[in-house]
Amino acid sequence: MSLFKRFVTTVHTSVDRTLASIENHEAVVDAALKESRQAVVRAKVRLARLEKDVNVQRNRVAELASEIDLWNERARSVAGDDRAKALSCIQRRKQRESEIALARTQLAEQESVVARVRNSIDESANRMQALQNQRNQMRSREAASQAGRIVHTLDGRVGGDVEAAIERWEVTVGEAEILTDTVLLADADTDELAREFISTEENQCLEAELEELLKQGGNHE
């Protein structure tokens, strides 16, 4: 098996093992969080029903209080003409007072239950959010640690082969660099030689022009 194939096989095996480990942990946590979310939703539905019952009971207390006032007013209105009827009104009022006392006790109990359920839901929601944050943190930490473990494993398994390959690569690149430098040096020498010839040729041209200029001057004389 070639170095590249061994490297790829090692990476795939380590990555598959890492992903399986991460997925298993995440699956457990995600299942728990899903169950918690469902429980919170069910609790909120029941809380809504309890709050509705509390509102009904509050209305009942208010109605009984109104009836007490009404029976008191009725008793006063007929007391001068019909005392027996006035006493019956007082009796009705006392019945309503007993009923309102019981209704208020029940209302207080219902309100206490609603408060406890609401606090429990808030605590569950906060705890669930904290668990989600922890899940995300653990997922990142797990991925980072597994990545480090994979690198360490690769270093142990194929480190020697990789180092040897890098050394051979370095030798090849070094030879190419030496060859390139030699060619550039030869080119530089050739350019210098060309410049020498060009300079000489330019000087010869200048000398020829000067001689021609001198000859023209002599003819004038």
N, C-alpha and C. Protein backbone atom coordinates (compact mmCIF):
# COMPACT_ATOMS: atom_id res chain seq x y z
N MET A 1 0.85 -1.20 0.00
CA MET A 1 0.00 0.00 0.00
C MET A 1 0.89 1.25 0.00
N SER A 2 0.59 2.20 -0.87
CA SER A 2 1.40 3.41 -0.99
C SER A 2 1.24 4.29 0.24
N LEU A 3 2.15 5.25 0.36
CA LEU A 3 2.09 6.18 1.49
C LEU A 3 0.78 6.94 1.49
N PHE A 4 0.36 7.41 0.31
CA PHE A 4 -0.88 8.20 0.23
C PHE A 4 -2.07 7.36 0.64
N LYS A 5 -2.14 6.12 0.15
CA LYS A 5 -3.28 5.26 0.50
C LYS A 5 -3.30 4.95 1.99
N ARG A 6 -2.12 4.68 2.56
CA ARG A 6 -2.07 4.42 4.00
C ARG A 6 -2.51 5.65 4.77
N PHE A 7 -2.09 6.82 4.31
CA PHE A 7 -2.47 8.07 4.98
C PHE A 7 -3.98 8.28 4.94
N VAL A 8 -4.57 8.10 3.75
CA VAL A 8 -6.01 8.29 3.59
C VAL A 8 -6.78 7.28 4.42
N THR A 9 -6.34 6.02 4.41
CA THR A 9 -7.03 4.98 5.19
C THR A 9 -6.99 5.29 6.67
N THR A 10 -5.84 5.73 7.14
CA THR A 10 -5.70 6.07 8.56
C THR A 10 -6.62 7.22 8.94
N VAL A 11 -6.63 8.25 8.08
CA VAL A 11 -7.48 9.41 8.36
C VAL A 11 -8.95 9.03 8.38
N HIS A 12 -9.39 8.27 7.39
CA HIS A 12 -10.80 7.88 7.32
C HIS A 12 -11.20 7.05 8.54
N THR A 13 -10.34 6.11 8.93
CA THR A 13 -10.65 5.27 10.09
C THR A 13 -10.77 6.10 11.35
N SER A 14 -9.81 7.00 11.56
CA SER A 14 -9.83 7.83 12.76
C SER A 14 -11.02 8.78 12.77
N VAL A 15 -11.30 9.37 11.60
CA VAL A 15 -12.42 10.31 11.52
C VAL A 15 -13.73 9.58 11.74
N ASP A 16 -13.91 8.40 11.15
CA ASP A 16 -15.14 7.64 11.34
C ASP A 16 -15.34 7.30 12.81
N ARG A 17 -14.27 6.89 13.47
CA ARG A 17 -14.38 6.56 14.90
C ARG A 17 -14.73 7.80 15.71
N THR A 18 -14.12 8.92 15.35
CA THR A 18 -14.41 10.17 16.06
C THR A 18 -15.85 10.60 15.87
N LEU A 19 -16.32 10.57 14.62
CA LEU A 19 -17.70 10.98 14.35
C LEU A 19 -18.69 10.07 15.05
N ALA A 20 -18.40 8.76 15.07
CA ALA A 20 -19.31 7.82 15.75
C ALA A 20 -19.40 8.14 17.23
N SER A 21 -18.23 8.46 17.84
CA SER A 21 -18.23 8.78 19.26
C SER A 21 -19.01 10.05 19.53
N ILE A 22 -18.77 11.09 18.69
CA ILE A 22 -19.46 12.35 18.89
C ILE A 22 -20.96 12.19 18.68
N GLU A 23 -21.33 11.46 17.63
CA GLU A 23 -22.74 11.29 17.33
C GLU A 23 -23.46 10.53 18.44
N ASN A 24 -22.80 9.53 19.03
CA ASN A 24 -23.43 8.78 20.11
C ASN A 24 -23.71 9.68 21.30
N HIS A 25 -22.72 10.46 21.69
CA HIS A 25 -22.91 11.37 22.82
C HIS A 25 -23.99 12.40 22.50
N GLU A 26 -23.94 12.96 21.32
CA GLU A 26 -24.92 13.97 20.95
C GLU A 26 -26.32 13.38 20.88
N ALA A 27 -26.41 12.14 20.41
CA ALA A 27 -27.73 11.51 20.31
C ALA A 27 -28.37 11.37 21.68
N VAL A 28 -27.57 10.99 22.68
CA VAL A 28 -28.11 10.84 24.04
C VAL A 28 -28.56 12.19 24.58
N VAL A 29 -27.70 13.21 24.42
CA VAL A 29 -28.04 14.53 24.94
C VAL A 29 -29.22 15.13 24.19
N ASP A 30 -29.22 14.99 22.86
CA ASP A 30 -30.32 15.54 22.06
C ASP A 30 -31.65 14.87 22.42
N ALA A 31 -31.61 13.56 22.67
CA ALA A 31 -32.84 12.87 23.05
C ALA A 31 -33.36 13.39 24.39
N ALA A 32 -32.44 13.62 25.33
CA ALA A 32 -32.85 14.14 26.63
C ALA A 32 -33.41 15.55 26.50
N LEU A 33 -32.76 16.38 25.68
CA LEU A 33 -33.25 17.74 25.49
C LEU A 33 -34.61 17.74 24.79
N LYS A 34 -34.78 16.86 23.83
CA LYS A 34 -36.07 16.77 23.15
C LYS A 34 -37.17 16.39 24.12
N GLU A 35 -36.89 15.42 24.98
CA GLU A 35 -37.88 15.00 25.98
C GLU A 35 -38.18 16.13 26.94
N SER A 36 -37.14 16.88 27.31
CA SER A 36 -37.35 18.02 28.22
C SER A 36 -38.21 19.09 27.57
N ARG A 37 -37.95 19.38 26.30
CA ARG A 37 -38.76 20.37 25.60
C ARG A 37 -40.23 19.94 25.53
N GLN A 38 -40.45 18.67 25.26
CA GLN A 38 -41.83 18.17 25.21
C GLN A 38 -42.50 18.28 26.57
N ALA A 39 -41.74 17.97 27.62
CA ALA A 39 -42.31 18.07 28.97
C ALA A 39 -42.66 19.51 29.31
N VAL A 40 -41.81 20.45 28.91
CA VAL A 40 -42.08 21.86 29.17
C VAL A 40 -43.33 22.31 28.41
N VAL A 41 -43.46 21.85 27.18
CA VAL A 41 -44.65 22.21 26.38
C VAL A 41 -45.90 21.67 27.05
N ARG A 42 -45.87 20.42 27.49
CA ARG A 42 -47.04 19.84 28.16
C ARG A 42 -47.36 20.60 29.45
N ALA A 43 -46.32 20.97 30.17
CA ALA A 43 -46.52 21.71 31.42
C ALA A 43 -47.15 23.08 31.14
N LYS A 44 -46.73 23.73 30.05
CA LYS A 44 -47.31 25.03 29.70
C LYS A 44 -48.79 24.90 29.34
N VAL A 45 -49.14 23.79 28.66
CA VAL A 45 -50.54 23.57 28.32
C VAL A 45 -51.37 23.40 29.60
N ARG A 46 -50.85 22.61 30.53
CA ARG A 46 -51.57 22.40 31.79
C ARG A 46 -51.62 23.68 32.61
N LEU A 47 -50.56 24.47 32.54
CA LEU A 47 -50.55 25.74 33.26
C LEU A 47 -51.64 26.66 32.72
N ALA A 48 -51.81 26.67 31.40
CA ALA A 48 -52.86 27.50 30.81
C ALA A 48 -54.24 27.07 31.31
N ARG A 49 -54.44 25.77 31.46
CA ARG A 49 -55.72 25.29 31.98
C ARG A 49 -55.91 25.70 33.44
N LEU A 50 -54.84 25.60 34.22
CA LEU A 50 -54.92 26.00 35.63
C LEU A 50 -55.23 27.49 35.75
N GLU A 51 -54.58 28.30 34.93
CA GLU A 51 -54.82 29.74 34.96
C GLU A 51 -56.27 30.05 34.57
N LYS A 52 -56.80 29.27 33.65
CA LYS A 52 -58.20 29.45 33.26
C LYS A 52 -59.12 29.12 34.45
N ASP A 53 -58.80 28.04 35.16
CA ASP A 53 -59.59 27.67 36.34
C ASP A 53 -59.50 28.74 37.41
N VAL A 54 -58.33 29.33 37.56
CA VAL A 54 -58.15 30.40 38.55
C VAL A 54 -59.02 31.59 38.20
N ASN A 55 -59.05 31.94 36.92
CA ASN A 55 -59.89 33.07 36.49
C ASN A 55 -61.37 32.79 36.75
N VAL A 56 -61.79 31.55 36.50
CA VAL A 56 -63.18 31.18 36.78
C VAL A 56 -63.48 31.31 38.27
N GLN A 57 -62.55 30.85 39.10
CA GLN A 57 -62.76 30.92 40.55
C GLN A 57 -62.77 32.36 41.03
N ARG A 58 -61.93 33.21 40.44
CA ARG A 58 -61.94 34.63 40.82
C ARG A 58 -63.29 35.27 40.48
N ASN A 59 -63.79 34.92 39.31
CA ASN A 59 -65.11 35.44 38.92
C ASN A 59 -66.18 34.95 39.89
N ARG A 60 -66.06 33.70 40.32
CA ARG A 60 -67.02 33.14 41.28
C ARG A 60 -66.99 33.90 42.60
N VAL A 61 -65.81 34.21 43.08
CA VAL A 61 -65.67 34.97 44.33
C VAL A 61 -66.28 36.35 44.17
N ALA A 62 -66.03 36.99 43.02
CA ALA A 62 -66.60 38.32 42.78
C ALA A 62 -68.12 38.26 42.73
N GLU A 63 -68.67 37.23 42.11
CA GLU A 63 -70.13 37.09 42.03
C GLU A 63 -70.73 36.88 43.42
N LEU A 64 -70.10 36.05 44.24
CA LEU A 64 -70.61 35.81 45.60
C LEU A 64 -70.56 37.08 46.43
N ALA A 65 -69.49 37.86 46.26
CA ALA A 65 -69.39 39.12 47.00
C ALA A 65 -70.53 40.07 46.59
N SER A 66 -70.85 40.09 45.30
CA SER A 66 -71.95 40.93 44.82
C SER A 66 -73.28 40.44 45.38
N GLU A 67 -73.46 39.12 45.47
CA GLU A 67 -74.71 38.58 46.00
C GLU A 67 -74.86 38.89 47.49
N ILE A 68 -73.75 38.88 48.22
CA ILE A 68 -73.82 39.23 49.64
C ILE A 68 -74.31 40.67 49.80
N ASP A 69 -73.73 41.56 49.00
CA ASP A 69 -74.20 42.96 49.05
C ASP A 69 -75.67 43.06 48.65
N LEU A 70 -76.06 42.27 47.67
CA LEU A 70 -77.44 42.32 47.18
C LEU A 70 -78.42 41.83 48.26
N TRP A 71 -78.11 40.73 48.93
CA TRP A 71 -79.00 40.21 49.97
C TRP A 71 -79.06 41.14 51.17
N ASN A 72 -77.97 41.80 51.47
CA ASN A 72 -78.01 42.81 52.54
C ASN A 72 -78.95 43.95 52.17
N GLU A 73 -78.88 44.41 50.95
CA GLU A 73 -79.75 45.49 50.49
C GLU A 73 -81.21 45.04 50.48
N ARG A 74 -81.46 43.83 50.08
CA ARG A 74 -82.84 43.30 50.08
C ARG A 74 -83.39 43.20 51.51
N ALA A 75 -82.55 42.75 52.41
CA ALA A 75 -83.01 42.63 53.80
C ALA A 75 -83.38 44.00 54.37
N ARG A 76 -82.59 45.01 54.06
CA ARG A 76 -82.89 46.36 54.56
C ARG A 76 -84.17 46.91 53.92
N SER A 77 -84.37 46.57 52.64
CA SER A 77 -85.53 47.14 51.93
C SER A 77 -86.87 46.58 52.41
N VAL A 78 -86.88 45.35 52.94
CA VAL A 78 -88.17 44.74 53.35
C VAL A 78 -88.30 44.59 54.86
N ALA A 79 -87.28 45.02 55.59
CA ALA A 79 -87.31 44.81 57.05
C ALA A 79 -88.49 45.52 57.69
N GLY A 80 -88.88 46.72 57.21
CA GLY A 80 -89.97 47.46 57.83
C GLY A 80 -91.33 46.86 57.54
N ASP A 81 -91.50 46.24 56.39
CA ASP A 81 -92.81 45.72 55.99
C ASP A 81 -92.93 44.22 56.23
N ASP A 82 -91.82 43.48 56.03
CA ASP A 82 -91.90 42.02 56.15
C ASP A 82 -90.61 41.52 56.80
N ARG A 83 -90.73 41.42 58.15
CA ARG A 83 -89.52 41.04 58.90
C ARG A 83 -89.10 39.60 58.57
N ALA A 84 -90.05 38.70 58.37
CA ALA A 84 -89.72 37.30 58.07
C ALA A 84 -88.94 37.21 56.76
N LYS A 85 -89.38 37.99 55.77
CA LYS A 85 -88.66 37.99 54.49
C LYS A 85 -87.25 38.56 54.65
N ALA A 86 -87.14 39.57 55.50
CA ALA A 86 -85.83 40.17 55.75
C ALA A 86 -84.89 39.15 56.38
N LEU A 87 -85.46 38.34 57.30
CA LEU A 87 -84.64 37.30 57.94
C LEU A 87 -84.21 36.24 56.91
N SER A 88 -85.07 35.95 55.96
CA SER A 88 -84.71 35.00 54.90
C SER A 88 -83.58 35.56 54.03
N CYS A 89 -83.66 36.87 53.82
CA CYS A 89 -82.57 37.50 53.05
C CYS A 89 -81.24 37.39 53.81
N ILE A 90 -81.29 37.59 55.12
CA ILE A 90 -80.08 37.45 55.93
C ILE A 90 -79.56 36.02 55.87
N GLN A 91 -80.49 35.07 55.87
CA GLN A 91 -80.08 33.67 55.77
C GLN A 91 -79.38 33.39 54.44
N ARG A 92 -79.94 33.94 53.34
CA ARG A 92 -79.28 33.78 52.04
C ARG A 92 -77.88 34.42 52.05
N ARG A 93 -77.82 35.57 52.70
CA ARG A 93 -76.51 36.24 52.76
C ARG A 93 -75.48 35.38 53.49
N LYS A 94 -75.90 34.75 54.59
CA LYS A 94 -74.97 33.91 55.36
C LYS A 94 -74.54 32.69 54.54
N GLN A 95 -75.43 32.15 53.75
CA GLN A 95 -75.06 31.03 52.87
C GLN A 95 -73.99 31.46 51.87
N ARG A 96 -74.19 32.67 51.32
CA ARG A 96 -73.21 33.16 50.36
C ARG A 96 -71.86 33.45 51.04
N GLU A 97 -71.91 33.89 52.28
CA GLU A 97 -70.66 34.13 53.01
C GLU A 97 -69.90 32.82 53.22
N SER A 98 -70.63 31.75 53.53
CA SER A 98 -69.97 30.44 53.67
C SER A 98 -69.38 29.98 52.34
N GLU A 99 -70.16 30.20 51.28
CA GLU A 99 -69.69 29.81 49.96
C GLU A 99 -68.46 30.61 49.52
N ILE A 100 -68.48 31.90 49.83
CA ILE A 100 -67.35 32.73 49.40
C ILE A 100 -66.09 32.40 50.20
N ALA A 101 -66.26 32.02 51.46
CA ALA A 101 -65.11 31.62 52.27
C ALA A 101 -64.44 30.39 51.67
N LEU A 102 -65.28 29.41 51.28
CA LEU A 102 -64.74 28.20 50.66
C LEU A 102 -64.12 28.52 49.30
N ALA A 103 -64.78 29.38 48.53
CA ALA A 103 -64.27 29.73 47.21
C ALA A 103 -62.93 30.46 47.31
N ARG A 104 -62.77 31.32 48.30
CA ARG A 104 -61.51 32.03 48.49
C ARG A 104 -60.39 31.07 48.90
N THR A 105 -60.73 30.09 49.73
CA THR A 105 -59.73 29.09 50.12
C THR A 105 -59.28 28.29 48.89
N GLN A 106 -60.23 27.87 48.08
CA GLN A 106 -59.90 27.14 46.87
C GLN A 106 -59.10 28.00 45.90
N LEU A 107 -59.45 29.27 45.81
CA LEU A 107 -58.73 30.18 44.93
C LEU A 107 -57.28 30.32 45.36
N ALA A 108 -57.08 30.47 46.68
CA ALA A 108 -55.71 30.59 47.18
C ALA A 108 -54.89 29.35 46.86
N GLU A 109 -55.50 28.18 47.01
CA GLU A 109 -54.80 26.94 46.69
C GLU A 109 -54.46 26.86 45.20
N GLN A 110 -55.43 27.25 44.37
CA GLN A 110 -55.19 27.22 42.92
C GLN A 110 -54.09 28.18 42.52
N GLU A 111 -54.11 29.38 43.09
CA GLU A 111 -53.07 30.36 42.78
C GLU A 111 -51.70 29.87 43.23
N SER A 112 -51.65 29.18 44.36
CA SER A 112 -50.39 28.63 44.83
C SER A 112 -49.87 27.57 43.87
N VAL A 113 -50.77 26.71 43.39
CA VAL A 113 -50.37 25.68 42.44
C VAL A 113 -49.86 26.31 41.14
N VAL A 114 -50.58 27.32 40.65
CA VAL A 114 -50.17 28.00 39.43
C VAL A 114 -48.78 28.62 39.59
N ALA A 115 -48.54 29.24 40.74
CA ALA A 115 -47.22 29.85 40.97
C ALA A 115 -46.12 28.80 40.98
N ARG A 116 -46.38 27.66 41.63
CA ARG A 116 -45.38 26.60 41.68
C ARG A 116 -45.11 26.03 40.28
N VAL A 117 -46.17 25.81 39.53
CA VAL A 117 -46.00 25.27 38.18
C VAL A 117 -45.25 26.25 37.30
N ARG A 118 -45.59 27.54 37.41
CA ARG A 118 -44.91 28.54 36.60
C ARG A 118 -43.42 28.61 36.95
N ASN A 119 -43.11 28.57 38.24
CA ASN A 119 -41.70 28.58 38.65
C ASN A 119 -40.97 27.34 38.15
N SER A 120 -41.68 26.21 38.22
CA SER A 120 -41.07 24.96 37.75
C SER A 120 -40.78 25.02 36.26
N ILE A 121 -41.71 25.58 35.51
CA ILE A 121 -41.50 25.71 34.06
C ILE A 121 -40.32 26.63 33.77
N ASP A 122 -40.26 27.75 34.48
CA ASP A 122 -39.15 28.69 34.27
C ASP A 122 -37.82 28.03 34.60
N GLU A 123 -37.78 27.31 35.71
CA GLU A 123 -36.54 26.62 36.09
C GLU A 123 -36.17 25.57 35.05
N SER A 124 -37.17 24.83 34.57
CA SER A 124 -36.90 23.80 33.56
C SER A 124 -36.38 24.43 32.27
N ALA A 125 -37.00 25.54 31.87
CA ALA A 125 -36.56 26.21 30.65
C ALA A 125 -35.13 26.74 30.80
N ASN A 126 -34.82 27.32 31.96
CA ASN A 126 -33.47 27.81 32.19
C ASN A 126 -32.46 26.67 32.22
N ARG A 127 -32.85 25.58 32.87
CA ARG A 127 -31.97 24.42 32.94
C ARG A 127 -31.76 23.82 31.55
N MET A 128 -32.81 23.77 30.78
CA MET A 128 -32.71 23.23 29.43
C MET A 128 -31.79 24.09 28.57
N GLN A 129 -31.89 25.41 28.71
CA GLN A 129 -31.00 26.31 27.98
C GLN A 129 -29.55 26.10 28.39
N ALA A 130 -29.34 25.93 29.69
CA ALA A 130 -27.98 25.67 30.19
C ALA A 130 -27.44 24.36 29.62
N LEU A 131 -28.29 23.33 29.56
CA LEU A 131 -27.86 22.05 29.01
C LEU A 131 -27.55 22.17 27.52
N GLN A 132 -28.33 22.97 26.81
CA GLN A 132 -28.05 23.18 25.40
C GLN A 132 -26.70 23.86 25.21
N ASN A 133 -26.41 24.85 26.06
CA ASN A 133 -25.12 25.51 25.99
C ASN A 133 -23.98 24.55 26.31
N GLN A 134 -24.20 23.71 27.33
CA GLN A 134 -23.19 22.72 27.67
C GLN A 134 -23.00 21.72 26.55
N ARG A 135 -24.11 21.35 25.90
CA ARG A 135 -24.03 20.42 24.77
C ARG A 135 -23.16 21.00 23.66
N ASN A 136 -23.40 22.28 23.35
CA ASN A 136 -22.62 22.92 22.29
C ASN A 136 -21.14 23.01 22.67
N GLN A 137 -20.88 23.35 23.93
CA GLN A 137 -19.50 23.44 24.39
C GLN A 137 -18.81 22.08 24.34
N MET A 138 -19.50 21.05 24.82
CA MET A 138 -18.92 19.71 24.82
C MET A 138 -18.69 19.22 23.40
N ARG A 139 -19.59 19.55 22.50
CA ARG A 139 -19.43 19.14 21.10
C ARG A 139 -18.17 19.77 20.52
N SER A 140 -17.95 21.05 20.82
CA SER A 140 -16.75 21.73 20.31
C SER A 140 -15.49 21.15 20.95
N ARG A 141 -15.54 20.94 22.27
CA ARG A 141 -14.38 20.39 22.95
C ARG A 141 -14.07 18.98 22.47
N GLU A 142 -15.12 18.18 22.28
CA GLU A 142 -14.92 16.82 21.82
C GLU A 142 -14.30 16.79 20.43
N ALA A 143 -14.80 17.66 19.56
CA ALA A 143 -14.26 17.71 18.20
C ALA A 143 -12.80 18.14 18.21
N ALA A 144 -12.48 19.13 19.05
CA ALA A 144 -11.10 19.61 19.13
C ALA A 144 -10.17 18.53 19.68
N SER A 145 -10.60 17.86 20.75
CA SER A 145 -9.75 16.82 21.34
C SER A 145 -9.58 15.64 20.39
N GLN A 146 -10.64 15.27 19.68
CA GLN A 146 -10.53 14.17 18.74
C GLN A 146 -9.64 14.55 17.56
N ALA A 147 -9.71 15.80 17.14
CA ALA A 147 -8.83 16.24 16.06
C ALA A 147 -7.37 16.15 16.49
N GLY A 148 -7.09 16.57 17.73
CA GLY A 148 -5.73 16.45 18.24
C GLY A 148 -5.28 15.01 18.36
N ARG A 149 -6.20 14.15 18.76
CA ARG A 149 -5.88 12.73 18.87
C ARG A 149 -5.58 12.13 17.50
N ILE A 150 -6.34 12.55 16.48
CA ILE A 150 -6.10 12.04 15.12
C ILE A 150 -4.72 12.46 14.64
N VAL A 151 -4.38 13.74 14.86
CA VAL A 151 -3.06 14.22 14.45
C VAL A 151 -1.96 13.45 15.15
N HIS A 152 -2.14 13.22 16.46
CA HIS A 152 -1.15 12.48 17.23
C HIS A 152 -1.01 11.06 16.70
N THR A 153 -2.15 10.44 16.38
CA THR A 153 -2.13 9.08 15.83
C THR A 153 -1.42 9.03 14.49
N LEU A 154 -1.71 10.03 13.66
CA LEU A 154 -1.06 10.07 12.35
C LEU A 154 0.44 10.27 12.49
N ASP A 155 0.84 11.10 13.43
CA ASP A 155 2.27 11.31 13.66
C ASP A 155 2.95 10.00 14.05
N GLY A 156 2.27 9.21 14.88
CA GLY A 156 2.86 7.95 15.33
C GLY A 156 2.88 6.90 14.25
N ARG A 157 1.87 6.87 13.39
CA ARG A 157 1.76 5.81 12.40
C ARG A 157 2.54 6.09 11.12
N VAL A 158 2.43 7.29 10.61
CA VAL A 158 3.04 7.58 9.32
C VAL A 158 4.04 8.72 9.40
N GLY A 159 4.44 9.09 10.61
CA GLY A 159 5.36 10.21 10.76
C GLY A 159 6.67 9.98 10.02
N GLY A 160 7.25 8.77 10.17
CA GLY A 160 8.52 8.48 9.51
C GLY A 160 8.41 8.54 8.01
N ASP A 161 7.39 7.96 7.45
CA ASP A 161 7.19 7.98 6.00
C ASP A 161 7.00 9.39 5.48
N VAL A 162 6.23 10.17 6.21
CA VAL A 162 5.99 11.54 5.80
C VAL A 162 7.28 12.36 5.84
N GLU A 163 8.07 12.18 6.91
CA GLU A 163 9.33 12.91 7.00
C GLU A 163 10.28 12.52 5.87
N ALA A 164 10.32 11.23 5.54
CA ALA A 164 11.18 10.78 4.45
C ALA A 164 10.72 11.39 3.13
N ALA A 165 9.41 11.42 2.92
CA ALA A 165 8.89 12.01 1.69
C ALA A 165 9.23 13.49 1.61
N ILE A 166 9.11 14.19 2.74
CA ILE A 166 9.45 15.62 2.76
C ILE A 166 10.93 15.83 2.46
N GLU A 167 11.80 14.94 3.00
CA GLU A 167 13.24 15.06 2.72
C GLU A 167 13.53 14.87 1.24
N ARG A 168 12.88 13.85 0.64
CA ARG A 168 13.08 13.64 -0.80
C ARG A 168 12.58 14.83 -1.61
N TRP A 169 11.47 15.38 -1.17
CA TRP A 169 10.91 16.56 -1.84
C TRP A 169 11.89 17.73 -1.75
N GLU A 170 12.47 17.88 -0.55
CA GLU A 170 13.40 18.99 -0.35
C GLU A 170 14.63 18.84 -1.24
N VAL A 171 15.13 17.58 -1.40
CA VAL A 171 16.28 17.33 -2.26
C VAL A 171 15.94 17.70 -3.71
N THR A 172 14.74 17.28 -4.16
CA THR A 172 14.33 17.57 -5.53
C THR A 172 14.24 19.07 -5.77
N VAL A 173 13.61 19.78 -4.83
CA VAL A 173 13.48 21.23 -4.96
C VAL A 173 14.86 21.89 -4.93
N GLY A 174 15.75 21.40 -4.05
CA GLY A 174 17.09 21.96 -3.97
C GLY A 174 17.87 21.81 -5.25
N GLU A 175 17.76 20.61 -5.86
CA GLU A 175 18.44 20.40 -7.14
C GLU A 175 17.91 21.34 -8.21
N ALA A 176 16.58 21.53 -8.23
CA ALA A 176 16.00 22.44 -9.20
C ALA A 176 16.48 23.87 -8.98
N GLU A 177 16.60 24.25 -7.72
CA GLU A 177 17.07 25.61 -7.41
C GLU A 177 18.52 25.79 -7.86
N ILE A 178 19.35 24.77 -7.64
CA ILE A 178 20.76 24.87 -8.06
C ILE A 178 20.86 25.01 -9.57
N LEU A 179 20.06 24.19 -10.29
CA LEU A 179 20.06 24.26 -11.75
C LEU A 179 19.60 25.63 -12.25
N THR A 180 18.58 26.17 -11.60
CA THR A 180 18.07 27.49 -11.99
C THR A 180 19.11 28.57 -11.75
N ASP A 181 19.79 28.50 -10.60
CA ASP A 181 20.83 29.49 -10.30
C ASP A 181 21.96 29.42 -11.32
N THR A 182 22.33 28.21 -11.74
CA THR A 182 23.42 28.04 -12.73
C THR A 182 23.04 28.66 -14.06
N VAL A 183 21.82 28.41 -14.49
CA VAL A 183 21.35 28.96 -15.76
C VAL A 183 21.32 30.49 -15.70
N LEU A 184 20.83 31.00 -14.57
CA LEU A 184 20.77 32.46 -14.43
C LEU A 184 22.16 33.07 -14.44
N LEU A 185 23.13 32.36 -13.79
CA LEU A 185 24.49 32.86 -13.77
C LEU A 185 25.08 32.87 -15.17
N ALA A 186 24.83 31.80 -15.94
CA ALA A 186 25.32 31.75 -17.33
C ALA A 186 24.71 32.87 -18.15
N ASP A 187 23.43 33.10 -17.95
CA ASP A 187 22.78 34.19 -18.67
C ASP A 187 23.38 35.53 -18.31
N ALA A 188 23.70 35.68 -17.02
CA ALA A 188 24.30 36.94 -16.58
C ALA A 188 25.66 37.14 -17.23
N ASP A 189 26.49 36.06 -17.33
CA ASP A 189 27.80 36.17 -17.97
C ASP A 189 27.65 36.54 -19.44
N THR A 190 26.70 35.90 -20.11
CA THR A 190 26.47 36.19 -21.52
C THR A 190 26.09 37.65 -21.72
N ASP A 191 25.27 38.16 -20.87
CA ASP A 191 24.86 39.56 -20.96
C ASP A 191 26.06 40.49 -20.77
N GLU A 192 26.95 40.15 -19.86
CA GLU A 192 28.13 40.98 -19.61
C GLU A 192 29.04 41.00 -20.84
N LEU A 193 29.23 39.85 -21.45
CA LEU A 193 30.06 39.77 -22.65
C LEU A 193 29.45 40.59 -23.79
N ALA A 194 28.12 40.49 -23.92
CA ALA A 194 27.44 41.25 -24.97
C ALA A 194 27.60 42.74 -24.74
N ARG A 195 27.54 43.13 -23.49
CA ARG A 195 27.68 44.56 -23.19
C ARG A 195 29.08 45.06 -23.55
N GLU A 196 30.10 44.21 -23.34
CA GLU A 196 31.46 44.61 -23.68
C GLU A 196 31.61 44.84 -25.19
N PHE A 197 31.06 43.90 -25.98
CA PHE A 197 31.14 44.06 -27.43
C PHE A 197 30.38 45.30 -27.90
N ILE A 198 29.20 45.52 -27.34
CA ILE A 198 28.40 46.67 -27.73
C ILE A 198 29.12 47.97 -27.42
N SER A 199 29.78 48.01 -26.24
CA SER A 199 30.51 49.22 -25.87
C SER A 199 31.66 49.49 -26.83
N THR A 200 32.39 48.39 -27.18
CA THR A 200 33.52 48.54 -28.10
C THR A 200 33.04 49.02 -29.47
N GLU A 201 31.94 48.41 -29.93
CA GLU A 201 31.40 48.78 -31.23
C GLU A 201 30.92 50.23 -31.24
N GLU A 202 30.31 50.66 -30.15
CA GLU A 202 29.85 52.04 -30.08
C GLU A 202 31.04 53.00 -30.09
N ASN A 203 32.10 52.63 -29.40
CA ASN A 203 33.30 53.49 -29.40
C ASN A 203 33.91 53.58 -30.80
N GLN A 204 33.93 52.44 -31.51
CA GLN A 204 34.46 52.47 -32.87
C GLN A 204 33.65 53.39 -33.77
N CYS A 205 32.34 53.36 -33.60
CA CYS A 205 31.48 54.24 -34.40
C CYS A 205 31.76 55.70 -34.09
N LEU A 206 31.97 55.99 -32.80
CA LEU A 206 32.26 57.35 -32.40
C LEU A 206 33.61 57.82 -32.96
N GLU A 207 34.61 56.91 -32.93
CA GLU A 207 35.93 57.24 -33.47
C GLU A 207 35.83 57.54 -34.98
N ALA A 208 35.01 56.71 -35.66
CA ALA A 208 34.86 56.91 -37.10
C ALA A 208 34.21 58.25 -37.39
N GLU A 209 33.23 58.63 -36.64
CA GLU A 209 32.56 59.91 -36.84
C GLU A 209 33.51 61.07 -36.55
N LEU A 210 34.34 60.86 -35.51
CA LEU A 210 35.30 61.92 -35.17
C LEU A 210 36.31 62.13 -36.30
N GLU A 211 36.83 61.02 -36.84
CA GLU A 211 37.79 61.11 -37.95
C GLU A 211 37.16 61.80 -39.16
N GLU A 212 35.91 61.45 -39.44
CA GLU A 212 35.23 62.07 -40.56
C GLU A 212 35.06 63.57 -40.34
N LEU A 213 34.79 63.93 -39.11
CA LEU A 213 34.64 65.35 -38.77
C LEU A 213 35.97 66.11 -38.93
N LEU A 214 37.09 65.45 -38.55
CA LEU A 214 38.41 66.07 -38.67
C LEU A 214 38.80 66.26 -40.14
N LYS A 215 38.44 65.23 -40.93
CA LYS A 215 38.77 65.33 -42.34
C LYS A 215 38.02 66.49 -43.00
N GLN A 216 36.79 66.67 -42.62
CA GLN A 216 36.01 67.77 -43.18
C GLN A 216 36.62 69.12 -42.79
N GLY A 217 37.15 69.20 -41.60
CA GLY A 217 37.77 70.44 -41.14
C GLY A 217 39.03 70.74 -41.92
N GLY A 218 39.83 69.72 -42.24
CA GLY A 218 41.05 69.91 -42.99
C GLY A 218 40.77 70.36 -44.41
N ASN A 219 39.74 69.87 -44.99
CA ASN A 219 39.42 70.28 -46.36
C ASN A 219 39.06 71.75 -46.44
N HIS A 220 38.39 72.25 -45.43
CA HIS A 220 38.01 73.66 -45.41
C HIS A 220 39.23 74.54 -45.40
N GLU A 221 40.30 74.08 -44.72
CA GLU A 221 41.51 74.89 -44.67
C GLU A 221 42.18 74.95 -46.04
